[in-house]
C-alpha cells in the first residue's frame, strides 16, 4: 500500500497528506504589501488545497487561492532499511578486521625471516 510523506510523517492517502500539509499554514498570518492576512484552509482534494486570505487588521476583501498539490511518496526509513544498513556496516567492520589480521600475519612472517638471517 503506497503512502505519502509530509514533513517527517507518512499518510495513507494523497488527501490525508494534503490535509497535513494544509494544516501547517492554517491560522498563520502573511503580509502582502501593507496588509496583514490570516490564512485559513477552505478545501482540500488529492491534487489541490484552497486557502482563504482574510485581512486581519483592516477591513477588506478576502481572497481565495487554489494551489496545486502533488503528494510525494514516503521516503522515510523503516526497520527493514535499518537492518540492511546494519549488515552493511557489520560487513565493513569484518573486512577491516580481516585486513588487520592479514597485515599482522605478513608483519610476523617478515620479522621471522629477518631474525633467522635467511634471505
C-alpha atoms as a PDB file:
ATOM      1  CA  UNK A   1       0.000   0.000   0.000  1.00  0.00           C
ATOM      2  CA  UNK A   2       1.591   3.295  -1.042  1.00  0.00           C
ATOM      3  CA  UNK A   3       1.974   6.065   1.483  1.00  0.00           C
ATOM      4  CA  UNK A   4       2.675   9.764   1.100  1.00  0.00           C
ATOM      5  CA  UNK A   5       5.064  11.934   3.075  1.00  0.00           C
ATOM      6  CA  UNK A   6       4.603  15.411   4.521  1.00  0.00           C
ATOM      7  CA  UNK A   7       7.420  16.581   6.770  1.00  0.00           C
ATOM      8  CA  UNK A   8       8.557  13.700   8.958  1.00  0.00           C
ATOM      9  CA  UNK A   9       5.332  11.668   8.775  1.00  0.00           C
ATOM     10  CA  UNK A  10       3.685   9.402   6.210  1.00  0.00           C
ATOM     11  CA  UNK A  11      -0.031   9.319   5.392  1.00  0.00           C
ATOM     12  CA  UNK A  12      -2.109   6.570   3.736  1.00  0.00           C
ATOM     13  CA  UNK A  13      -3.794   8.709   1.050  1.00  0.00           C
ATOM     14  CA  UNK A  14      -2.912  11.784  -1.018  1.00  0.00           C
ATOM     15  CA  UNK A  15      -5.889  13.575   0.540  1.00  0.00           C
ATOM     16  CA  UNK A  16      -4.602  12.922   4.079  1.00  0.00           C
ATOM     17  CA  UNK A  17      -1.175  14.180   3.023  1.00  0.00           C
ATOM     18  CA  UNK A  18      -2.758  17.324   1.534  1.00  0.00           C
ATOM     19  CA  UNK A  19      -4.673  17.933   4.789  1.00  0.00           C
ATOM     20  CA  UNK A  20      -1.479  17.547   6.806  1.00  0.00           C
ATOM     21  CA  UNK A  21       0.335  19.971   4.513  1.00  0.00           C
ATOM     22  CA  UNK A  22      -2.521  22.483   4.693  1.00  0.00           C
ATOM     23  CA  UNK A  23      -2.661  22.278   8.483  1.00  0.00           C
ATOM     24  CA  UNK A  24       0.905  23.576   8.732  1.00  0.00           C
ATOM     25  CA  UNK A  25      -0.165  27.009   7.430  1.00  0.00           C
ATOM     26  CA  UNK A  26      -3.780  27.237   8.556  1.00  0.00           C
ATOM     27  CA  UNK A  27      -4.219  30.022  11.108  1.00  0.00           C
ATOM     28  CA  UNK A  28      -0.945  31.702  10.246  1.00  0.00           C
ATOM     29  CA  UNK A  29      -0.548  35.296   9.097  1.00  0.00           C
ATOM     30  CA  UNK A  30       1.120  36.587   5.951  1.00  0.00           C
ATOM     31  CA  UNK A  31       1.887  40.136   4.908  1.00  0.00           C
ATOM     32  CA  UNK A  32       1.174  41.302   1.379  1.00  0.00           C
ATOM     33  CA  UNK A  33       2.275  44.865   0.926  1.00  0.00           C
ATOM     34  CA  UNK A  34       0.964  46.767   3.948  1.00  0.00           C
ATOM     35  CA  UNK A  35      -1.947  44.402   4.597  1.00  0.00           C
ATOM     36  CA  UNK A  36      -1.782  41.501   7.021  1.00  0.00           C
ATOM     37  CA  UNK A  37      -3.832  38.426   6.073  1.00  0.00           C
ATOM     38  CA  UNK A  38      -4.900  35.442   8.142  1.00  0.00           C
ATOM     39  CA  UNK A  39      -4.652  32.146   6.237  1.00  0.00           C
ATOM     40  CA  UNK A  40      -7.419  29.545   6.517  1.00  0.00           C
ATOM     41  CA  UNK A  41      -7.984  26.352   4.567  1.00  0.00           C
ATOM     42  CA  UNK A  42     -11.353  26.124   2.819  1.00  0.00           C
ATOM     43  CA  UNK A  43     -10.892  22.996   0.734  1.00  0.00           C
ATOM     44  CA  UNK A  44      -8.593  20.027   0.262  1.00  0.00           C
ATOM     45  CA  UNK A  45      -8.554  17.426  -2.518  1.00  0.00           C
ATOM     46  CA  UNK A  46      -5.990  14.850  -3.622  1.00  0.00           C
ATOM     47  CA  UNK A  47      -4.456  17.384  -6.017  1.00  0.00           C
ATOM     48  CA  UNK A  48      -5.146  20.853  -4.592  1.00  0.00           C
ATOM     49  CA  UNK A  49      -5.516  22.982  -1.481  1.00  0.00           C
ATOM     50  CA  UNK A  50      -7.737  26.073  -1.381  1.00  0.00           C
ATOM     51  CA  UNK A  51      -6.738  28.842   1.009  1.00  0.00           C
ATOM     52  CA  UNK A  52      -8.749  31.872   2.096  1.00  0.00           C
ATOM     53  CA  UNK A  53      -6.761  35.014   2.904  1.00  0.00           C
ATOM     54  CA  UNK A  54      -8.768  37.303   5.179  1.00  0.00           C
ATOM     55  CA  UNK A  55      -7.497  40.800   6.070  1.00  0.00           C
ATOM     56  CA  UNK A  56      -6.589  40.623   9.759  1.00  0.00           C
ATOM     57  CA  UNK A  57      -6.400  44.282  10.810  1.00  0.00           C
ATOM     58  CA  UNK A  58      -8.200  46.479   8.315  1.00  0.00           C
ATOM     59  CA  UNK A  59     -11.457  45.876   6.508  1.00  0.00           C
ATOM     60  CA  UNK A  60     -11.011  44.457   3.069  1.00  0.00           C
ATOM     61  CA  UNK A  61     -11.946  41.723   0.681  1.00  0.00           C
ATOM     62  CA  UNK A  62     -10.983  38.141   1.408  1.00  0.00           C
ATOM     63  CA  UNK A  63      -9.132  36.340  -1.363  1.00  0.00           C
ATOM     64  CA  UNK A  64      -9.383  32.643  -2.208  1.00  0.00           C
ATOM     65  CA  UNK A  65      -6.460  30.905  -3.873  1.00  0.00           C
ATOM     66  CA  UNK A  66      -6.194  27.295  -5.011  1.00  0.00           C
ATOM     67  CA  UNK A  67      -2.717  25.780  -5.020  1.00  0.00           C
ATOM     68  CA  UNK A  68      -1.847  22.555  -6.834  1.00  0.00           C
ATOM     69  CA  UNK A  69      -0.667  19.776  -4.522  1.00  0.00           C
ATOM     70  CA  UNK A  70       1.306  16.716  -5.550  1.00  0.00           C
ATOM     71  CA  UNK A  71       1.642  14.054  -2.861  1.00  0.00           C
ATOM     72  CA  UNK A  72       5.210  12.819  -2.506  1.00  0.00           C
ATOM     73  CA  UNK A  73       5.907   9.113  -1.950  1.00  0.00           C
ATOM     74  CA  UNK A  74       7.012   8.266   1.561  1.00  0.00           C
ATOM     75  CA  UNK A  75      10.792   8.011   1.765  1.00  0.00           C
ATOM     76  CA  UNK A  76      11.245   7.504   5.487  1.00  0.00           C
ATOM     77  CA  UNK A  77      13.456   4.683   6.672  1.00  0.00           C
ATOM     78  CA  UNK A  78      11.723   1.653   8.133  1.00  0.00           C
ATOM     79  CA  UNK A  79      13.036  -1.244  10.248  1.00  0.00           C
ATOM     80  CA  UNK A  80      13.998  -3.347   7.223  1.00  0.00           C
ATOM     81  CA  UNK A  81      16.119  -0.436   5.921  1.00  0.00           C
ATOM     82  CA  UNK A  82      17.885  -0.204   9.277  1.00  0.00           C
ATOM     83  CA  UNK A  83      18.625  -3.947   9.275  1.00  0.00           C
ATOM     84  CA  UNK A  84      20.113  -3.729   5.766  1.00  0.00           C
ATOM     85  CA  UNK A  85      22.285  -0.773   6.741  1.00  0.00           C
ATOM     86  CA  UNK A  86      23.363  -2.566   9.920  1.00  0.00           C
ATOM     87  CA  UNK A  87      24.516  -5.621   7.967  1.00  0.00           C
ATOM     88  CA  UNK A  88      26.451  -3.411   5.539  1.00  0.00           C
ATOM     89  CA  UNK A  89      28.239  -1.675   8.416  1.00  0.00           C
ATOM     90  CA  UNK A  90      28.985  -5.057  10.031  1.00  0.00           C
ATOM     91  CA  UNK A  91      30.461  -6.313   6.737  1.00  0.00           C
ATOM     92  CA  UNK A  92      32.768  -3.290   6.570  1.00  0.00           C
ATOM     93  CA  UNK A  93      33.974  -3.907  10.149  1.00  0.00           C
ATOM     94  CA  UNK A  94      34.602  -7.602   9.393  1.00  0.00           C
ATOM     95  CA  UNK A  95      36.571  -6.595   6.289  1.00  0.00           C
ATOM     96  CA  UNK A  96      38.667  -4.123   8.272  1.00  0.00           C
ATOM     97  CA  UNK A  97      39.368  -6.755  10.932  1.00  0.00           C
ATOM     98  CA  UNK A  98      40.389  -9.293   8.255  1.00  0.00           C
ATOM     99  CA  UNK A  99      42.822  -6.785   6.738  1.00  0.00           C
ATOM    100  CA  UNK A 100      44.282  -6.073  10.180  1.00  0.00           C
ATOM    101  CA  UNK A 101      44.832  -9.797  10.843  1.00  0.00           C
ATOM    102  CA  UNK A 102      46.351 -10.257   7.390  1.00  0.00           C
ATOM    103  CA  UNK A 103      48.719  -7.318   7.952  1.00  0.00           C
ATOM    104  CA  UNK A 104      49.766  -8.795  11.323  1.00  0.00           C
ATOM    105  CA  UNK A 105      50.496 -12.197   9.730  1.00  0.00           C
ATOM    106  CA  UNK A 106      52.565 -10.613   6.960  1.00  0.00           C
ATOM    107  CA  UNK A 107      54.488  -8.491   9.507  1.00  0.00           C
ATOM    108  CA  UNK A 108      55.200 -11.540  11.698  1.00  0.00           C
ATOM    109  CA  UNK A 109      56.394 -13.567   8.699  1.00  0.00           C
ATOM    110  CA  UNK A 110      58.694 -10.710   7.673  1.00  0.00           C
ATOM    111  CA  UNK A 111      60.145 -10.440  11.197  1.00  0.00           C
ATOM    112  CA  UNK A 112      60.788 -14.231  11.341  1.00  0.00           C
ATOM    113  CA  UNK A 113      62.682 -14.145   8.061  1.00  0.00           C
ATOM    114  CA  UNK A 114      64.887 -11.251   9.179  1.00  0.00           C
ATOM    115  CA  UNK A 115      65.650 -12.723  12.617  1.00  0.00           C
ATOM    116  CA  UNK A 116      66.700 -16.121  11.149  1.00  0.00           C
ATOM    117  CA  UNK A 117      69.229 -14.423   8.949  1.00  0.00           C
ATOM    118  CA  UNK A 118      67.884 -16.174   5.911  1.00  0.00           C
ATOM    119  CA  UNK A 119      67.428 -14.179   2.700  1.00  0.00           C
END
